[in-house]
Amino acid sequence: MKTNESFTIREITAKKAYDVRHPVLREGKPIDACHFEGDDLPTTFHLGYFIDTQLVGVVTLLENNHATLESEKAFQLRGMAVLTSFQKRGIGDALVKKSETMIQKRDGTFMWMNAREIAVRFYEKLGYQKHGTPFSIPKIGLHYVMIKKFNKKD
């Protein structure tokens, strides 16, 4: 990250997240393809990473238990995306760390995601572990469930 850039991470709407989801995750598809089930639930939140006033990265966190994992209050990370020209600058890292902080403030004890094969090392560096066997999502590719438990606050 360049030191002369000022950045903020703040909550945004699901629709605002489409500004980054669409070109990065759903390029060439209709804008409706950016909508995720659960985007508008009151327990879901979306974070945006802004450099000055430009939105360059997004992530969505849904309160959602994983079917094969026992957890008290789990959140699923979905739709993390950083505009191509801003990748490899620590933005994804900052978004995940901010997500973890906000989940813990909401008494979340667990975070998980379906990570694309190319993202596994990124999540492992942040303390996530693979769970179960890899699976394929048609037209997207091989994925792994990645998990991280948080210590309960007393």
N, C-alpha and C. Protein backbone atom coordinates (compact mmCIF):
# COMPACT_ATOMS: atom_id res chain seq x y z
N MET A 1 0.85 -1.17 0.00
CA MET A 1 0.00 0.00 0.00
C MET A 1 0.89 1.24 0.00
N LYS A 2 0.58 2.14 -0.88
CA LYS A 2 1.33 3.40 -0.91
C LYS A 2 0.96 4.22 0.32
N THR A 3 1.94 4.85 0.93
CA THR A 3 1.67 5.58 2.16
C THR A 3 0.98 6.92 1.91
N ASN A 4 0.99 7.43 0.69
CA ASN A 4 0.36 8.73 0.43
C ASN A 4 -1.14 8.61 0.16
N GLU A 5 -1.67 7.39 0.17
CA GLU A 5 -3.10 7.21 -0.06
C GLU A 5 -3.83 7.14 1.27
N SER A 6 -4.97 7.84 1.35
CA SER A 6 -5.76 7.70 2.56
C SER A 6 -6.88 6.71 2.25
N PHE A 7 -7.11 5.78 3.17
CA PHE A 7 -8.14 4.78 2.93
C PHE A 7 -9.04 4.66 4.14
N THR A 8 -10.26 4.20 3.88
CA THR A 8 -11.20 3.89 4.95
C THR A 8 -11.90 2.60 4.58
N ILE A 9 -12.31 1.88 5.61
CA ILE A 9 -13.16 0.70 5.42
C ILE A 9 -14.43 1.01 6.19
N ARG A 10 -15.55 0.96 5.48
CA ARG A 10 -16.82 1.25 6.16
C ARG A 10 -17.94 0.41 5.57
N GLU A 11 -19.04 0.34 6.31
CA GLU A 11 -20.19 -0.41 5.84
C GLU A 11 -20.81 0.29 4.63
N ILE A 12 -21.24 -0.55 3.68
CA ILE A 12 -21.89 -0.07 2.46
C ILE A 12 -23.15 -0.91 2.22
N THR A 13 -23.95 -0.51 1.24
CA THR A 13 -25.12 -1.30 0.89
C THR A 13 -24.72 -2.44 -0.05
N ALA A 14 -25.59 -3.43 -0.15
CA ALA A 14 -25.36 -4.54 -1.09
C ALA A 14 -25.24 -3.99 -2.51
N LYS A 15 -26.11 -3.07 -2.87
CA LYS A 15 -26.09 -2.51 -4.24
C LYS A 15 -24.76 -1.80 -4.52
N LYS A 16 -24.22 -1.11 -3.54
CA LYS A 16 -22.93 -0.43 -3.72
C LYS A 16 -21.83 -1.47 -3.95
N ALA A 17 -21.94 -2.63 -3.28
CA ALA A 17 -20.93 -3.69 -3.46
C ALA A 17 -20.90 -4.18 -4.90
N TYR A 18 -22.01 -4.06 -5.63
CA TYR A 18 -22.06 -4.49 -7.03
C TYR A 18 -21.03 -3.74 -7.88
N ASP A 19 -20.70 -2.50 -7.48
CA ASP A 19 -19.73 -1.70 -8.25
C ASP A 19 -18.39 -2.41 -8.39
N VAL A 20 -18.05 -3.26 -7.42
CA VAL A 20 -16.80 -4.01 -7.48
C VAL A 20 -17.07 -5.49 -7.79
N ARG A 21 -18.15 -6.03 -7.24
CA ARG A 21 -18.49 -7.44 -7.52
C ARG A 21 -18.63 -7.68 -9.02
N HIS A 22 -19.31 -6.77 -9.71
CA HIS A 22 -19.61 -7.01 -11.12
C HIS A 22 -18.36 -7.14 -11.98
N PRO A 23 -17.44 -6.14 -12.00
CA PRO A 23 -16.28 -6.29 -12.88
C PRO A 23 -15.30 -7.39 -12.46
N VAL A 24 -15.26 -7.73 -11.17
CA VAL A 24 -14.28 -8.70 -10.70
C VAL A 24 -14.84 -10.12 -10.68
N LEU A 25 -16.05 -10.30 -10.19
CA LEU A 25 -16.60 -11.64 -9.99
C LEU A 25 -17.64 -12.06 -11.02
N ARG A 26 -18.27 -11.10 -11.68
CA ARG A 26 -19.36 -11.44 -12.60
C ARG A 26 -19.23 -10.74 -13.95
N GLU A 27 -18.00 -10.51 -14.35
CA GLU A 27 -17.74 -9.80 -15.62
C GLU A 27 -18.46 -10.49 -16.78
N GLY A 28 -19.12 -9.69 -17.60
CA GLY A 28 -19.82 -10.22 -18.77
C GLY A 28 -21.19 -10.79 -18.47
N LYS A 29 -21.57 -10.79 -17.21
CA LYS A 29 -22.89 -11.30 -16.83
C LYS A 29 -23.79 -10.12 -16.49
N PRO A 30 -25.10 -10.34 -16.48
CA PRO A 30 -26.01 -9.25 -16.11
C PRO A 30 -25.76 -8.78 -14.68
N ILE A 31 -26.09 -7.51 -14.40
CA ILE A 31 -25.84 -6.94 -13.07
C ILE A 31 -26.58 -7.73 -11.98
N ASP A 32 -27.74 -8.34 -12.32
CA ASP A 32 -28.48 -9.14 -11.32
C ASP A 32 -27.65 -10.32 -10.81
N ALA A 33 -26.68 -10.77 -11.59
CA ALA A 33 -25.83 -11.89 -11.18
C ALA A 33 -25.00 -11.52 -9.94
N CYS A 34 -24.94 -10.24 -9.61
CA CYS A 34 -24.19 -9.78 -8.44
C CYS A 34 -24.95 -9.96 -7.15
N HIS A 35 -26.26 -10.18 -7.25
CA HIS A 35 -27.08 -10.32 -6.03
C HIS A 35 -26.87 -11.70 -5.42
N PHE A 36 -26.60 -11.73 -4.12
CA PHE A 36 -26.45 -12.98 -3.39
C PHE A 36 -27.67 -13.17 -2.50
N GLU A 37 -28.10 -14.42 -2.36
CA GLU A 37 -29.17 -14.72 -1.41
C GLU A 37 -28.67 -14.29 -0.03
N GLY A 38 -29.49 -13.56 0.68
CA GLY A 38 -29.12 -13.10 2.03
C GLY A 38 -28.51 -11.71 2.06
N ASP A 39 -28.25 -11.11 0.90
CA ASP A 39 -27.65 -9.76 0.83
C ASP A 39 -28.40 -8.74 1.67
N ASP A 40 -29.73 -8.85 1.69
CA ASP A 40 -30.54 -7.81 2.32
C ASP A 40 -31.06 -8.17 3.71
N LEU A 41 -30.58 -9.27 4.27
CA LEU A 41 -31.02 -9.64 5.63
C LEU A 41 -30.45 -8.64 6.65
N PRO A 42 -31.17 -8.40 7.73
CA PRO A 42 -30.67 -7.44 8.74
C PRO A 42 -29.38 -7.90 9.43
N THR A 43 -29.09 -9.21 9.40
CA THR A 43 -27.88 -9.73 10.04
C THR A 43 -26.68 -9.72 9.09
N THR A 44 -26.90 -9.39 7.82
CA THR A 44 -25.82 -9.34 6.82
C THR A 44 -25.24 -7.94 6.81
N PHE A 45 -23.91 -7.87 6.64
CA PHE A 45 -23.30 -6.55 6.44
C PHE A 45 -22.27 -6.62 5.33
N HIS A 46 -22.03 -5.47 4.71
CA HIS A 46 -21.12 -5.34 3.57
C HIS A 46 -20.11 -4.27 3.92
N LEU A 47 -18.85 -4.55 3.59
CA LEU A 47 -17.79 -3.57 3.83
C LEU A 47 -17.19 -3.12 2.51
N GLY A 48 -16.85 -1.85 2.46
CA GLY A 48 -16.18 -1.30 1.29
C GLY A 48 -14.86 -0.68 1.70
N TYR A 49 -13.86 -0.88 0.86
CA TYR A 49 -12.53 -0.30 1.07
C TYR A 49 -12.43 0.86 0.08
N PHE A 50 -12.27 2.05 0.62
CA PHE A 50 -12.19 3.26 -0.20
C PHE A 50 -10.78 3.84 -0.15
N ILE A 51 -10.26 4.21 -1.30
CA ILE A 51 -9.03 5.00 -1.37
C ILE A 51 -9.51 6.39 -1.77
N ASP A 52 -9.28 7.33 -0.87
CA ASP A 52 -9.90 8.64 -0.98
C ASP A 52 -11.41 8.40 -1.08
N THR A 53 -12.05 8.70 -2.21
CA THR A 53 -13.49 8.46 -2.32
C THR A 53 -13.83 7.31 -3.26
N GLN A 54 -12.80 6.65 -3.81
CA GLN A 54 -13.04 5.57 -4.77
C GLN A 54 -13.18 4.22 -4.07
N LEU A 55 -14.30 3.53 -4.33
CA LEU A 55 -14.51 2.19 -3.81
C LEU A 55 -13.69 1.22 -4.64
N VAL A 56 -12.75 0.51 -4.00
CA VAL A 56 -11.86 -0.39 -4.74
C VAL A 56 -11.93 -1.84 -4.28
N GLY A 57 -12.56 -2.09 -3.11
CA GLY A 57 -12.67 -3.45 -2.60
C GLY A 57 -13.94 -3.63 -1.79
N VAL A 58 -14.51 -4.85 -1.83
CA VAL A 58 -15.74 -5.13 -1.09
C VAL A 58 -15.70 -6.53 -0.50
N VAL A 59 -16.51 -6.73 0.52
CA VAL A 59 -16.73 -8.06 1.08
C VAL A 59 -18.11 -8.06 1.73
N THR A 60 -18.75 -9.23 1.71
CA THR A 60 -20.07 -9.41 2.32
C THR A 60 -19.96 -10.48 3.39
N LEU A 61 -20.60 -10.24 4.54
CA LEU A 61 -20.61 -11.19 5.65
C LEU A 61 -22.05 -11.50 6.01
N LEU A 62 -22.39 -12.77 5.89
CA LEU A 62 -23.75 -13.23 6.20
C LEU A 62 -23.72 -14.08 7.45
N GLU A 63 -24.65 -13.81 8.37
CA GLU A 63 -24.76 -14.70 9.53
C GLU A 63 -25.36 -15.99 8.99
N ASN A 64 -24.56 -17.06 9.00
CA ASN A 64 -24.95 -18.28 8.31
C ASN A 64 -24.10 -19.44 8.82
N ASN A 65 -24.72 -20.40 9.47
CA ASN A 65 -23.98 -21.58 9.92
C ASN A 65 -23.67 -22.48 8.73
N HIS A 66 -22.53 -23.14 8.77
CA HIS A 66 -22.16 -24.10 7.73
C HIS A 66 -22.83 -25.43 8.06
N ALA A 67 -23.37 -26.08 7.05
CA ALA A 67 -24.14 -27.32 7.24
C ALA A 67 -23.38 -28.43 7.97
N THR A 68 -22.06 -28.53 7.75
CA THR A 68 -21.32 -29.65 8.34
C THR A 68 -20.46 -29.25 9.53
N LEU A 69 -20.61 -28.02 9.99
CA LEU A 69 -19.77 -27.56 11.10
C LEU A 69 -20.65 -27.11 12.26
N GLU A 70 -20.24 -27.50 13.45
CA GLU A 70 -20.97 -27.06 14.63
C GLU A 70 -20.38 -25.75 15.10
N SER A 71 -21.22 -24.74 15.20
CA SER A 71 -20.74 -23.44 15.66
C SER A 71 -21.92 -22.67 16.24
N GLU A 72 -21.61 -21.80 17.18
CA GLU A 72 -22.68 -21.05 17.85
C GLU A 72 -23.22 -19.93 16.98
N LYS A 73 -22.38 -19.05 16.50
CA LYS A 73 -22.83 -17.92 15.70
C LYS A 73 -21.79 -17.70 14.60
N ALA A 74 -22.05 -18.33 13.46
CA ALA A 74 -21.09 -18.30 12.36
C ALA A 74 -21.46 -17.25 11.32
N PHE A 75 -20.44 -16.72 10.67
CA PHE A 75 -20.62 -15.80 9.56
C PHE A 75 -19.90 -16.36 8.35
N GLN A 76 -20.53 -16.23 7.21
CA GLN A 76 -19.94 -16.66 5.94
C GLN A 76 -19.44 -15.43 5.19
N LEU A 77 -18.19 -15.48 4.77
CA LEU A 77 -17.62 -14.43 3.93
C LEU A 77 -17.98 -14.78 2.49
N ARG A 78 -18.52 -13.79 1.76
CA ARG A 78 -18.87 -14.00 0.36
C ARG A 78 -18.47 -12.77 -0.45
N GLY A 79 -18.26 -13.00 -1.70
CA GLY A 79 -18.12 -11.89 -2.65
C GLY A 79 -16.97 -10.94 -2.37
N MET A 80 -15.87 -11.45 -1.83
CA MET A 80 -14.74 -10.55 -1.65
C MET A 80 -14.13 -10.27 -3.01
N ALA A 81 -13.95 -8.99 -3.30
CA ALA A 81 -13.41 -8.61 -4.59
C ALA A 81 -12.66 -7.29 -4.46
N VAL A 82 -11.56 -7.20 -5.19
CA VAL A 82 -10.76 -5.98 -5.26
C VAL A 82 -10.55 -5.68 -6.74
N LEU A 83 -10.79 -4.45 -7.13
CA LEU A 83 -10.59 -4.08 -8.53
C LEU A 83 -9.19 -4.49 -8.98
N THR A 84 -9.09 -5.01 -10.18
CA THR A 84 -7.84 -5.59 -10.69
C THR A 84 -6.64 -4.67 -10.50
N SER A 85 -6.79 -3.40 -10.82
CA SER A 85 -5.64 -2.49 -10.74
C SER A 85 -5.23 -2.17 -9.30
N PHE A 86 -6.00 -2.63 -8.32
CA PHE A 86 -5.67 -2.39 -6.91
C PHE A 86 -5.29 -3.68 -6.17
N GLN A 87 -5.23 -4.80 -6.88
CA GLN A 87 -4.90 -6.07 -6.24
C GLN A 87 -3.43 -6.13 -5.87
N LYS A 88 -3.11 -7.03 -4.95
CA LYS A 88 -1.74 -7.27 -4.47
C LYS A 88 -1.20 -6.07 -3.69
N ARG A 89 -2.10 -5.35 -3.00
CA ARG A 89 -1.69 -4.18 -2.23
C ARG A 89 -2.16 -4.24 -0.78
N GLY A 90 -2.62 -5.42 -0.34
CA GLY A 90 -3.03 -5.58 1.05
C GLY A 90 -4.48 -5.23 1.33
N ILE A 91 -5.25 -4.94 0.30
CA ILE A 91 -6.64 -4.52 0.49
C ILE A 91 -7.51 -5.70 0.95
N GLY A 92 -7.36 -6.86 0.32
CA GLY A 92 -8.11 -8.04 0.73
C GLY A 92 -7.80 -8.42 2.16
N ASP A 93 -6.54 -8.37 2.51
CA ASP A 93 -6.06 -8.65 3.86
C ASP A 93 -6.76 -7.72 4.86
N ALA A 94 -6.78 -6.43 4.56
CA ALA A 94 -7.41 -5.44 5.44
C ALA A 94 -8.92 -5.69 5.56
N LEU A 95 -9.56 -6.06 4.46
CA LEU A 95 -11.00 -6.34 4.49
C LEU A 95 -11.32 -7.56 5.36
N VAL A 96 -10.52 -8.61 5.25
CA VAL A 96 -10.75 -9.81 6.07
C VAL A 96 -10.55 -9.48 7.55
N LYS A 97 -9.48 -8.78 7.88
CA LYS A 97 -9.21 -8.44 9.28
C LYS A 97 -10.32 -7.56 9.86
N LYS A 98 -10.79 -6.58 9.10
CA LYS A 98 -11.89 -5.71 9.55
C LYS A 98 -13.16 -6.55 9.72
N SER A 99 -13.39 -7.50 8.82
CA SER A 99 -14.55 -8.40 8.93
C SER A 99 -14.51 -9.19 10.22
N GLU A 100 -13.34 -9.72 10.54
CA GLU A 100 -13.18 -10.51 11.76
C GLU A 100 -13.50 -9.66 12.99
N THR A 101 -13.00 -8.43 13.02
CA THR A 101 -13.25 -7.53 14.15
C THR A 101 -14.75 -7.26 14.28
N MET A 102 -15.40 -6.99 13.16
CA MET A 102 -16.83 -6.66 13.20
C MET A 102 -17.67 -7.88 13.57
N ILE A 103 -17.27 -9.06 13.13
CA ILE A 103 -17.99 -10.28 13.49
C ILE A 103 -17.89 -10.52 15.00
N GLN A 104 -16.71 -10.33 15.54
CA GLN A 104 -16.53 -10.53 16.98
C GLN A 104 -17.34 -9.51 17.78
N LYS A 105 -17.47 -8.28 17.27
CA LYS A 105 -18.31 -7.27 17.94
C LYS A 105 -19.78 -7.68 17.91
N ARG A 106 -20.16 -8.49 16.93
CA ARG A 106 -21.53 -9.00 16.83
C ARG A 106 -21.67 -10.36 17.54
N ASP A 107 -20.68 -10.68 18.38
CA ASP A 107 -20.66 -11.95 19.13
C ASP A 107 -20.51 -13.17 18.24
N GLY A 108 -19.98 -13.00 17.05
CA GLY A 108 -19.70 -14.13 16.18
C GLY A 108 -18.52 -14.92 16.71
N THR A 109 -18.58 -16.24 16.54
CA THR A 109 -17.52 -17.09 17.08
C THR A 109 -16.77 -17.84 15.98
N PHE A 110 -17.17 -17.62 14.74
CA PHE A 110 -16.68 -18.47 13.67
C PHE A 110 -16.87 -17.77 12.33
N MET A 111 -15.89 -17.94 11.43
CA MET A 111 -16.04 -17.41 10.07
C MET A 111 -15.63 -18.49 9.09
N TRP A 112 -16.35 -18.56 7.98
CA TRP A 112 -16.03 -19.55 6.95
C TRP A 112 -16.33 -18.97 5.58
N MET A 113 -15.74 -19.59 4.58
CA MET A 113 -16.01 -19.18 3.20
C MET A 113 -15.71 -20.34 2.27
N ASN A 114 -16.31 -20.29 1.09
CA ASN A 114 -15.95 -21.19 -0.01
C ASN A 114 -14.90 -20.44 -0.81
N ALA A 115 -13.66 -20.84 -0.67
CA ALA A 115 -12.55 -20.13 -1.31
C ALA A 115 -12.17 -20.77 -2.64
N ARG A 116 -12.01 -19.94 -3.64
CA ARG A 116 -11.50 -20.44 -4.91
C ARG A 116 -10.11 -21.01 -4.67
N GLU A 117 -9.74 -22.00 -5.45
CA GLU A 117 -8.44 -22.66 -5.29
C GLU A 117 -7.30 -21.65 -5.27
N ILE A 118 -7.36 -20.64 -6.12
CA ILE A 118 -6.27 -19.65 -6.18
C ILE A 118 -6.20 -18.76 -4.94
N ALA A 119 -7.25 -18.77 -4.10
CA ALA A 119 -7.27 -17.92 -2.90
C ALA A 119 -6.90 -18.66 -1.63
N VAL A 120 -6.71 -19.97 -1.70
CA VAL A 120 -6.46 -20.78 -0.49
C VAL A 120 -5.24 -20.27 0.28
N ARG A 121 -4.13 -20.05 -0.40
CA ARG A 121 -2.91 -19.59 0.29
C ARG A 121 -3.13 -18.23 0.98
N PHE A 122 -3.87 -17.35 0.34
CA PHE A 122 -4.20 -16.03 0.91
C PHE A 122 -4.89 -16.22 2.27
N TYR A 123 -5.90 -17.08 2.30
CA TYR A 123 -6.65 -17.29 3.55
C TYR A 123 -5.81 -18.04 4.58
N GLU A 124 -5.00 -18.99 4.13
CA GLU A 124 -4.13 -19.70 5.08
C GLU A 124 -3.19 -18.74 5.79
N LYS A 125 -2.67 -17.75 5.08
CA LYS A 125 -1.77 -16.76 5.70
C LYS A 125 -2.49 -15.94 6.77
N LEU A 126 -3.82 -15.86 6.67
CA LEU A 126 -4.61 -15.12 7.65
C LEU A 126 -5.16 -16.02 8.76
N GLY A 127 -4.68 -17.28 8.79
CA GLY A 127 -5.04 -18.17 9.88
C GLY A 127 -6.23 -19.09 9.62
N TYR A 128 -6.70 -19.14 8.38
CA TYR A 128 -7.82 -20.02 8.04
C TYR A 128 -7.29 -21.40 7.68
N GLN A 129 -8.13 -22.41 7.91
CA GLN A 129 -7.75 -23.79 7.61
C GLN A 129 -8.75 -24.41 6.66
N LYS A 130 -8.27 -25.30 5.80
CA LYS A 130 -9.17 -26.05 4.90
C LYS A 130 -10.01 -26.99 5.74
N HIS A 131 -11.26 -27.15 5.31
CA HIS A 131 -12.17 -28.09 5.98
C HIS A 131 -12.81 -28.96 4.90
N GLY A 132 -12.72 -30.26 5.08
CA GLY A 132 -13.37 -31.18 4.15
C GLY A 132 -12.60 -31.31 2.84
N THR A 133 -13.29 -31.82 1.84
CA THR A 133 -12.67 -32.07 0.55
C THR A 133 -13.02 -30.96 -0.44
N PRO A 134 -12.16 -30.72 -1.42
CA PRO A 134 -12.46 -29.67 -2.40
C PRO A 134 -13.70 -30.05 -3.22
N PHE A 135 -14.35 -29.04 -3.75
CA PHE A 135 -15.54 -29.25 -4.57
C PHE A 135 -15.52 -28.25 -5.71
N SER A 136 -16.23 -28.60 -6.76
CA SER A 136 -16.25 -27.74 -7.94
C SER A 136 -17.57 -27.00 -8.05
N ILE A 137 -17.50 -25.73 -8.36
CA ILE A 137 -18.70 -24.93 -8.66
C ILE A 137 -18.69 -24.73 -10.17
N PRO A 138 -19.76 -25.21 -10.84
CA PRO A 138 -19.80 -25.12 -12.31
C PRO A 138 -19.52 -23.70 -12.82
N LYS A 139 -18.71 -23.62 -13.84
CA LYS A 139 -18.32 -22.38 -14.53
C LYS A 139 -17.46 -21.46 -13.68
N ILE A 140 -17.10 -21.89 -12.45
CA ILE A 140 -16.24 -21.06 -11.62
C ILE A 140 -14.96 -21.80 -11.26
N GLY A 141 -15.09 -23.08 -10.86
CA GLY A 141 -13.90 -23.88 -10.60
C GLY A 141 -13.85 -24.51 -9.22
N LEU A 142 -12.67 -25.02 -8.89
CA LEU A 142 -12.43 -25.75 -7.65
C LEU A 142 -12.44 -24.80 -6.45
N HIS A 143 -13.10 -25.23 -5.37
CA HIS A 143 -13.21 -24.45 -4.14
C HIS A 143 -12.90 -25.33 -2.93
N TYR A 144 -12.52 -24.67 -1.85
CA TYR A 144 -12.32 -25.31 -0.56
C TYR A 144 -13.11 -24.52 0.48
N VAL A 145 -13.69 -25.22 1.44
CA VAL A 145 -14.25 -24.53 2.59
C VAL A 145 -13.07 -24.17 3.49
N MET A 146 -12.99 -22.91 3.89
CA MET A 146 -11.93 -22.43 4.78
C MET A 146 -12.62 -21.93 6.05
N ILE A 147 -12.03 -22.23 7.21
CA ILE A 147 -12.67 -21.89 8.47
C ILE A 147 -11.69 -21.23 9.45
N LYS A 148 -12.26 -20.45 10.37
CA LYS A 148 -11.47 -19.86 11.46
C LYS A 148 -12.41 -19.64 12.64
N LYS A 149 -11.98 -20.11 13.80
CA LYS A 149 -12.76 -19.92 15.03
C LYS A 149 -12.18 -18.74 15.79
N PHE A 150 -13.05 -18.01 16.47
CA PHE A 150 -12.63 -16.89 17.29
C PHE A 150 -12.83 -17.25 18.75
N ASN A 151 -11.92 -16.76 19.60
CA ASN A 151 -12.08 -16.99 21.03
C ASN A 151 -13.27 -16.21 21.53
N LYS A 152 -14.08 -16.86 22.36
CA LYS A 152 -15.23 -16.17 22.94
C LYS A 152 -14.77 -15.14 23.94
N LYS A 153 -15.40 -13.98 23.87
CA LYS A 153 -15.09 -12.93 24.84
C LYS A 153 -15.93 -13.15 26.10
N ASP A 154 -15.31 -12.98 27.25
CA ASP A 154 -16.05 -13.19 28.50
C ASP A 154 -16.70 -11.90 28.96
